[in-house]
């Protein structure tokens, strides 16, 4: 299955409709994450300096991928020694996200009845 670029082609309402009909959402901490959560779409959300404990979607169907840095929640302050390098984002690898997706897929397969 290929990738379809819908950027700048949909209204906000149409975009929300696409999300609502998705089987899974992979995104950063942003409005699409919240739309997916509202629609009950399982979500893998990537968090950098924002506080996942405050803004991540609730429920077992959602997964947060993040790295823990002591300065993570003070990115705009002098306490952050990684500000220029954005380590809290750059240290999240594609493999980290892929592992979260694999785990989510395994959980979904276990929770769905087999059809024969």
N, C-alpha and C. Protein backbone atom coordinates (compact mmCIF):
# COMPACT_ATOMS: atom_id res chain seq x y z
N UNK A 1 0.84 -1.17 0.00
CA UNK A 1 0.00 0.00 0.00
C UNK A 1 0.89 1.24 0.00
N UNK A 2 0.64 2.13 -0.91
CA UNK A 2 1.46 3.32 -1.04
C UNK A 2 1.05 4.42 -0.08
N UNK A 3 1.78 5.48 -0.15
CA UNK A 3 1.50 6.66 0.66
C UNK A 3 0.82 7.69 -0.21
N UNK A 4 -0.22 8.30 0.31
CA UNK A 4 -0.94 9.35 -0.41
C UNK A 4 -0.74 10.65 0.36
N UNK A 5 -0.17 11.64 -0.29
CA UNK A 5 0.06 12.94 0.33
C UNK A 5 -1.20 13.79 0.18
N UNK A 6 -1.87 14.04 1.28
CA UNK A 6 -3.10 14.84 1.27
C UNK A 6 -2.88 16.25 1.80
N UNK A 7 -1.62 16.61 2.03
CA UNK A 7 -1.35 17.94 2.58
C UNK A 7 -1.82 19.02 1.61
N UNK A 8 -2.44 20.02 2.18
CA UNK A 8 -2.97 21.18 1.44
C UNK A 8 -4.07 20.80 0.45
N UNK A 9 -4.69 19.62 0.63
CA UNK A 9 -5.76 19.19 -0.28
C UNK A 9 -7.08 18.98 0.44
N UNK A 10 -7.06 19.01 1.77
CA UNK A 10 -8.27 18.73 2.54
C UNK A 10 -8.63 19.89 3.45
N UNK A 11 -9.91 20.04 3.68
CA UNK A 11 -10.35 20.98 4.72
C UNK A 11 -10.09 20.31 6.07
N UNK A 12 -10.21 21.06 7.14
CA UNK A 12 -10.03 20.50 8.47
C UNK A 12 -11.06 19.41 8.74
N UNK A 13 -12.28 19.63 8.32
CA UNK A 13 -13.34 18.63 8.50
C UNK A 13 -13.03 17.35 7.73
N UNK A 14 -12.55 17.49 6.50
CA UNK A 14 -12.19 16.32 5.69
C UNK A 14 -11.01 15.58 6.31
N UNK A 15 -10.05 16.34 6.82
CA UNK A 15 -8.89 15.74 7.47
C UNK A 15 -9.32 14.93 8.69
N UNK A 16 -10.22 15.49 9.49
CA UNK A 16 -10.74 14.77 10.66
C UNK A 16 -11.47 13.51 10.23
N UNK A 17 -12.17 13.56 9.09
CA UNK A 17 -12.85 12.38 8.57
C UNK A 17 -11.89 11.28 8.16
N UNK A 18 -10.78 11.66 7.56
CA UNK A 18 -9.75 10.68 7.18
C UNK A 18 -9.20 10.01 8.44
N UNK A 19 -8.91 10.82 9.45
CA UNK A 19 -8.40 10.27 10.71
C UNK A 19 -9.43 9.32 11.33
N UNK A 20 -10.69 9.72 11.34
CA UNK A 20 -11.75 8.91 11.95
C UNK A 20 -11.88 7.54 11.30
N UNK A 21 -11.54 7.43 10.03
CA UNK A 21 -11.65 6.16 9.31
C UNK A 21 -10.32 5.40 9.25
N UNK A 22 -9.34 5.86 9.99
CA UNK A 22 -8.03 5.20 10.00
C UNK A 22 -8.01 4.08 11.02
N UNK A 23 -7.19 3.07 10.75
CA UNK A 23 -7.02 1.97 11.70
C UNK A 23 -6.00 2.31 12.78
N UNK A 24 -5.07 3.22 12.44
CA UNK A 24 -4.00 3.57 13.36
C UNK A 24 -3.46 4.94 12.99
N UNK A 25 -3.05 5.70 13.99
CA UNK A 25 -2.48 7.04 13.76
C UNK A 25 -1.09 7.09 14.36
N UNK A 26 -0.11 7.54 13.59
CA UNK A 26 1.24 7.80 14.08
C UNK A 26 1.48 9.29 13.88
N UNK A 27 1.77 9.99 14.96
CA UNK A 27 1.92 11.45 14.86
C UNK A 27 2.70 11.98 16.05
N UNK A 28 2.99 13.25 16.00
CA UNK A 28 3.59 13.90 17.15
C UNK A 28 2.47 14.48 18.02
N UNK A 29 2.88 15.13 19.09
CA UNK A 29 1.92 15.77 20.00
C UNK A 29 1.34 16.98 19.29
N UNK A 30 0.17 16.79 18.68
CA UNK A 30 -0.42 17.84 17.86
C UNK A 30 -1.93 17.62 17.75
N UNK A 31 -2.59 18.50 17.05
CA UNK A 31 -4.05 18.39 16.89
C UNK A 31 -4.48 17.06 16.29
N UNK A 32 -3.80 16.52 15.26
CA UNK A 32 -4.24 15.22 14.74
C UNK A 32 -4.24 14.12 15.79
N UNK A 33 -3.30 14.17 16.74
CA UNK A 33 -3.28 13.19 17.82
C UNK A 33 -4.57 13.28 18.64
N UNK A 34 -5.00 14.49 18.94
CA UNK A 34 -6.21 14.67 19.75
C UNK A 34 -7.47 14.27 18.96
N UNK A 35 -7.49 14.55 17.68
CA UNK A 35 -8.62 14.13 16.84
C UNK A 35 -8.71 12.61 16.82
N UNK A 36 -7.56 11.95 16.63
CA UNK A 36 -7.55 10.48 16.61
C UNK A 36 -8.04 9.92 17.94
N UNK A 37 -7.58 10.50 19.04
CA UNK A 37 -8.01 10.03 20.36
C UNK A 37 -9.51 10.21 20.54
N UNK A 38 -10.04 11.35 20.11
CA UNK A 38 -11.49 11.60 20.22
C UNK A 38 -12.30 10.61 19.39
N UNK A 39 -11.73 10.18 18.29
CA UNK A 39 -12.43 9.24 17.40
C UNK A 39 -12.19 7.78 17.78
N UNK A 40 -11.38 7.55 18.82
CA UNK A 40 -11.10 6.18 19.26
C UNK A 40 -10.14 5.44 18.36
N UNK A 41 -9.33 6.17 17.61
CA UNK A 41 -8.35 5.55 16.72
C UNK A 41 -7.07 5.28 17.53
N UNK A 42 -6.59 4.04 17.57
CA UNK A 42 -5.35 3.75 18.28
C UNK A 42 -4.23 4.65 17.76
N UNK A 43 -3.46 5.21 18.69
CA UNK A 43 -2.48 6.23 18.34
C UNK A 43 -1.11 5.91 18.93
N UNK A 44 -0.08 6.07 18.11
CA UNK A 44 1.30 6.07 18.58
C UNK A 44 1.75 7.53 18.47
N UNK A 45 1.94 8.17 19.62
CA UNK A 45 2.26 9.60 19.65
C UNK A 45 3.70 9.81 20.10
N UNK A 46 4.44 10.58 19.31
CA UNK A 46 5.84 10.88 19.61
C UNK A 46 5.90 12.22 20.34
N UNK A 47 6.50 12.20 21.53
CA UNK A 47 6.60 13.40 22.36
C UNK A 47 8.06 13.80 22.54
N UNK A 48 8.33 15.07 22.38
CA UNK A 48 9.66 15.63 22.64
C UNK A 48 9.65 16.36 23.96
N UNK A 49 9.75 17.69 23.94
CA UNK A 49 9.80 18.45 25.18
C UNK A 49 8.44 18.67 25.84
N UNK A 50 7.36 18.33 25.18
CA UNK A 50 6.04 18.55 25.79
C UNK A 50 5.75 17.47 26.82
N UNK A 51 4.81 17.76 27.70
CA UNK A 51 4.52 16.89 28.84
C UNK A 51 3.46 15.86 28.48
N UNK A 52 3.90 14.64 28.21
CA UNK A 52 2.95 13.59 27.85
C UNK A 52 1.98 13.29 28.99
N UNK A 53 2.43 13.46 30.22
CA UNK A 53 1.55 13.19 31.36
C UNK A 53 0.37 14.15 31.39
N UNK A 54 0.50 15.29 30.73
CA UNK A 54 -0.58 16.27 30.71
C UNK A 54 -1.40 16.24 29.41
N UNK A 55 -0.76 15.90 28.29
CA UNK A 55 -1.46 16.07 27.01
C UNK A 55 -1.59 14.81 26.17
N UNK A 56 -1.03 13.69 26.61
CA UNK A 56 -1.15 12.45 25.83
C UNK A 56 -2.58 11.93 25.89
N UNK A 57 -3.00 11.21 24.86
CA UNK A 57 -4.35 10.63 24.89
C UNK A 57 -4.45 9.57 26.00
N UNK A 58 -5.61 9.51 26.61
CA UNK A 58 -5.86 8.54 27.68
C UNK A 58 -6.32 7.22 27.09
N UNK A 59 -5.98 6.14 27.76
CA UNK A 59 -6.48 4.83 27.39
C UNK A 59 -5.40 3.89 26.90
N UNK A 60 -5.69 2.61 27.02
CA UNK A 60 -4.73 1.58 26.65
C UNK A 60 -4.50 1.46 25.15
N UNK A 61 -5.38 2.01 24.35
CA UNK A 61 -5.21 1.88 22.89
C UNK A 61 -4.19 2.88 22.35
N UNK A 62 -3.69 3.77 23.21
CA UNK A 62 -2.73 4.78 22.78
C UNK A 62 -1.36 4.50 23.39
N UNK A 63 -0.32 4.78 22.63
CA UNK A 63 1.05 4.56 23.06
C UNK A 63 1.85 5.84 22.89
N UNK A 64 2.65 6.16 23.88
CA UNK A 64 3.53 7.33 23.81
C UNK A 64 4.96 6.84 23.62
N UNK A 65 5.67 7.46 22.68
CA UNK A 65 7.09 7.20 22.47
C UNK A 65 7.81 8.48 22.86
N UNK A 66 8.73 8.37 23.83
CA UNK A 66 9.43 9.55 24.32
C UNK A 66 10.75 9.13 24.94
N UNK A 67 11.64 10.07 25.10
CA UNK A 67 12.92 9.86 25.79
C UNK A 67 12.93 10.76 27.01
N UNK A 68 13.48 10.24 28.09
CA UNK A 68 13.48 10.98 29.34
C UNK A 68 14.79 11.74 29.50
N UNK A 69 14.71 13.04 29.51
CA UNK A 69 15.85 13.90 29.79
C UNK A 69 15.49 14.76 30.99
N UNK A 70 16.43 15.01 31.90
CA UNK A 70 16.10 15.81 33.08
C UNK A 70 15.62 17.22 32.73
N UNK A 71 16.06 17.75 31.61
CA UNK A 71 15.69 19.12 31.23
C UNK A 71 14.50 19.14 30.26
N UNK A 72 13.89 18.01 30.04
CA UNK A 72 12.89 17.87 28.98
C UNK A 72 11.75 18.87 29.07
N UNK A 73 11.24 19.11 30.23
CA UNK A 73 10.08 19.99 30.36
C UNK A 73 10.45 21.46 30.51
N UNK A 74 11.73 21.76 30.43
CA UNK A 74 12.17 23.16 30.53
C UNK A 74 12.99 23.53 29.30
N UNK A 75 12.52 23.09 28.15
CA UNK A 75 13.25 23.26 26.90
C UNK A 75 13.53 24.72 26.56
N UNK A 76 12.64 25.60 26.93
CA UNK A 76 12.82 27.01 26.60
C UNK A 76 13.58 27.77 27.68
N UNK A 77 14.05 27.05 28.65
CA UNK A 77 14.73 27.70 29.76
C UNK A 77 16.22 27.36 29.75
N UNK A 78 16.97 28.06 30.54
CA UNK A 78 18.41 27.84 30.61
C UNK A 78 18.77 26.46 31.15
N UNK A 79 17.82 25.80 31.82
CA UNK A 79 18.09 24.48 32.40
C UNK A 79 18.33 23.41 31.34
N UNK A 80 17.89 23.66 30.13
CA UNK A 80 18.04 22.66 29.06
C UNK A 80 19.42 22.80 28.42
N UNK A 81 20.20 21.76 28.54
CA UNK A 81 21.55 21.76 27.95
C UNK A 81 21.53 21.18 26.53
N UNK A 82 20.38 20.73 26.07
CA UNK A 82 20.27 20.09 24.75
C UNK A 82 19.45 20.92 23.78
N UNK A 83 19.16 22.15 24.14
CA UNK A 83 18.25 22.98 23.36
C UNK A 83 18.67 23.13 21.90
N UNK A 84 19.93 23.31 21.67
CA UNK A 84 20.41 23.52 20.30
C UNK A 84 20.38 22.23 19.49
N UNK A 85 20.40 21.10 20.17
CA UNK A 85 20.47 19.81 19.47
C UNK A 85 19.15 19.04 19.51
N UNK A 86 18.20 19.51 20.29
CA UNK A 86 16.88 18.87 20.39
C UNK A 86 17.00 17.37 20.68
N UNK A 87 17.86 17.04 21.63
CA UNK A 87 18.13 15.64 21.94
C UNK A 87 16.87 14.88 22.35
N UNK A 88 15.93 15.55 23.01
CA UNK A 88 14.72 14.84 23.45
C UNK A 88 13.89 14.36 22.25
N UNK A 89 14.08 14.96 21.09
CA UNK A 89 13.41 14.49 19.86
C UNK A 89 14.35 13.62 19.02
N UNK A 90 15.58 14.07 18.84
CA UNK A 90 16.50 13.36 17.96
C UNK A 90 16.91 11.99 18.49
N UNK A 91 16.83 11.79 19.81
CA UNK A 91 17.17 10.48 20.37
C UNK A 91 16.06 9.46 20.18
N UNK A 92 14.90 9.87 19.72
CA UNK A 92 13.83 8.93 19.40
C UNK A 92 14.11 8.40 18.00
N UNK A 93 14.36 7.12 17.92
CA UNK A 93 14.73 6.52 16.63
C UNK A 93 13.51 5.99 15.89
N UNK A 94 13.70 5.76 14.62
CA UNK A 94 12.66 5.11 13.82
C UNK A 94 12.36 3.75 14.43
N UNK A 95 13.39 3.08 14.93
CA UNK A 95 13.21 1.77 15.55
C UNK A 95 12.31 1.86 16.78
N UNK A 96 12.46 2.93 17.57
CA UNK A 96 11.59 3.13 18.75
C UNK A 96 10.12 3.18 18.33
N UNK A 97 9.85 3.94 17.28
CA UNK A 97 8.47 4.08 16.79
C UNK A 97 8.00 2.76 16.20
N UNK A 98 8.86 2.10 15.43
CA UNK A 98 8.51 0.82 14.82
C UNK A 98 8.20 -0.23 15.90
N UNK A 99 9.01 -0.26 16.96
CA UNK A 99 8.76 -1.20 18.06
C UNK A 99 7.41 -0.94 18.72
N UNK A 100 7.06 0.33 18.89
CA UNK A 100 5.75 0.67 19.46
C UNK A 100 4.63 0.20 18.54
N UNK A 101 4.83 0.35 17.23
CA UNK A 101 3.83 -0.11 16.26
C UNK A 101 3.68 -1.62 16.29
N UNK A 102 4.81 -2.34 16.36
CA UNK A 102 4.75 -3.80 16.41
C UNK A 102 4.02 -4.27 17.66
N UNK A 103 4.33 -3.66 18.79
CA UNK A 103 3.68 -4.03 20.05
C UNK A 103 2.17 -3.76 19.96
N UNK A 104 1.82 -2.63 19.40
CA UNK A 104 0.40 -2.28 19.25
C UNK A 104 -0.30 -3.29 18.34
N UNK A 105 0.35 -3.67 17.25
CA UNK A 105 -0.24 -4.64 16.33
C UNK A 105 -0.44 -5.99 17.02
N UNK A 106 0.54 -6.42 17.81
CA UNK A 106 0.42 -7.68 18.53
C UNK A 106 -0.76 -7.64 19.50
N UNK A 107 -0.92 -6.52 20.21
CA UNK A 107 -2.04 -6.38 21.14
C UNK A 107 -3.37 -6.40 20.41
N UNK A 108 -3.44 -5.75 19.25
CA UNK A 108 -4.68 -5.72 18.49
C UNK A 108 -5.03 -7.10 17.96
N UNK A 109 -4.02 -7.85 17.52
CA UNK A 109 -4.28 -9.19 17.00
C UNK A 109 -4.79 -10.11 18.11
N UNK A 110 -4.25 -9.96 19.32
CA UNK A 110 -4.69 -10.78 20.44
C UNK A 110 -6.11 -10.44 20.87
N UNK A 111 -6.49 -9.19 20.71
CA UNK A 111 -7.80 -8.76 21.20
C UNK A 111 -8.93 -9.01 20.21
N UNK A 112 -8.58 -9.33 18.96
CA UNK A 112 -9.62 -9.55 17.95
C UNK A 112 -9.84 -11.05 17.77
N UNK A 113 -11.08 -11.46 17.65
CA UNK A 113 -11.35 -12.89 17.47
C UNK A 113 -10.90 -13.35 16.09
N UNK A 114 -10.49 -14.59 16.03
CA UNK A 114 -10.09 -15.17 14.74
C UNK A 114 -11.33 -15.52 13.93
N UNK A 115 -11.27 -15.28 12.65
CA UNK A 115 -12.37 -15.62 11.75
C UNK A 115 -11.88 -16.72 10.82
N UNK A 116 -12.60 -17.83 10.80
CA UNK A 116 -12.17 -18.96 9.96
C UNK A 116 -13.27 -19.37 9.01
